[in-house]
Protein backbone atom coordinates (compact mmCIF):
# COMPACT_ATOMS: atom_id res chain seq x y z
CA MET A 1 -8.88 -26.56 -3.21
CA ARG A 2 -10.91 -24.48 -0.78
CA SER A 3 -14.55 -23.68 -1.28
CA PRO A 4 -15.52 -19.96 -1.39
CA GLU A 5 -16.89 -20.17 2.16
CA THR A 6 -13.51 -21.13 3.60
CA LYS A 7 -11.39 -18.47 1.91
CA THR A 8 -10.19 -15.77 4.24
CA ALA A 9 -9.83 -12.02 3.98
CA ARG A 10 -7.47 -9.77 5.85
CA ALA A 11 -8.03 -6.21 6.81
CA PRO A 12 -5.30 -3.95 5.42
CA ASP A 13 -3.70 -3.37 8.83
CA ASP A 14 -3.69 -7.00 10.03
CA ASN A 15 -0.31 -8.55 10.64
CA ALA A 16 0.56 -12.05 9.48
CA SER A 17 -0.17 -13.62 12.86
CA GLY A 18 -3.52 -11.85 13.42
CA PRO A 19 -6.93 -13.51 13.21
CA GLN A 20 -8.50 -13.94 9.79
CA ARG A 21 -12.12 -13.47 8.76
CA SER A 22 -13.76 -15.64 6.17
CA LEU A 23 -15.10 -13.98 3.05
CA ARG A 24 -18.60 -14.76 4.31
CA GLU A 25 -17.91 -12.94 7.61
CA THR A 26 -16.47 -9.98 5.73
CA ALA A 27 -19.45 -9.88 3.37
CA ASP A 28 -21.83 -10.04 6.35
CA LEU A 29 -20.04 -7.14 8.02
CA HIS A 30 -20.17 -5.13 4.79
CA SER A 31 -23.91 -5.81 4.56
CA GLN A 32 -24.44 -4.71 8.18
CA ILE A 33 -22.55 -1.49 7.53
CA LEU A 34 -24.32 -0.71 4.25
CA ASN A 35 -27.75 -1.48 5.75
CA ARG A 36 -27.18 1.14 8.46
CA LEU A 37 -26.14 3.87 6.03
CA GLY A 38 -28.30 5.94 3.72
CA PRO A 39 -28.08 9.16 1.74
CA SER A 40 -27.98 11.25 4.94
CA PRO A 41 -24.57 11.22 6.65
CA VAL A 42 -24.11 9.29 9.90
CA ALA A 43 -21.24 9.84 12.32
CA GLU A 44 -18.65 7.07 12.11
CA ASP A 45 -18.53 6.68 15.90
CA GLN A 46 -22.34 6.34 16.00
CA LEU A 47 -22.20 3.63 13.33
CA ILE A 48 -19.58 1.75 15.35
CA ARG A 49 -21.76 1.97 18.48
CA ASP A 50 -24.84 0.84 16.52
CA LEU A 51 -23.01 -2.21 15.19
CA ALA A 52 -21.81 -3.11 18.72
CA LEU A 53 -18.52 -4.48 17.36
CA PRO A 54 -14.95 -3.43 18.16
CA SER A 55 -13.81 -0.45 16.11
CA GLN A 56 -10.70 -2.36 15.01
CA LYS A 57 -13.00 -4.75 13.10
CA ILE A 58 -15.15 -2.02 11.55
CA THR A 59 -12.73 0.74 10.55
CA PRO A 60 -10.65 -1.34 8.08
CA GLU A 61 -13.87 -2.46 6.39
CA LEU A 62 -15.09 1.14 6.20
CA LEU A 63 -11.88 1.95 4.34
CA ASN A 64 -12.43 -1.01 1.98
CA LEU A 65 -16.01 0.11 1.27
CA GLU A 66 -14.80 3.67 0.69
CA LEU A 67 -12.11 2.48 -1.74
CA ASP A 68 -14.71 0.33 -3.52
CA GLY A 69 -16.84 3.46 -4.00
CA LYS A 70 -19.75 2.13 -1.93
CA ILE A 71 -19.59 4.73 0.84
CA ILE A 72 -18.57 8.37 1.04
CA ARG A 73 -16.60 9.84 3.92
CA ALA A 74 -17.37 13.51 4.54
CA ALA A 75 -15.84 16.12 6.83
CA GLY A 76 -16.27 15.53 10.55
CA GLY A 77 -16.19 11.73 10.34
CA MET A 78 -19.55 11.48 8.60
CA LEU A 79 -20.37 8.50 6.37
CA SER A 80 -23.11 7.95 3.80
CA LEU A 81 -23.92 5.63 0.93
CA ALA A 82 -22.45 6.56 -2.44
CA HIS A 83 -25.03 7.60 -5.02
């Protein structure tokens, strides 16, 4: 049986042969995203530049956070923390 640190998570658009992230890596990315957001909206492209990671790693996680109700996506590609 695997320990929680070795479990992996897939972004919704990953194919079966794509690289996998561990749950710890995914949680760290979520924390980085949430730490950069606040009640005032930030442009999604600015957030991606600030994180200095490829957009294909960040955008699926933004969707996951949005579906979890942790962030809000507003018109014009603006993101903020959910209240």
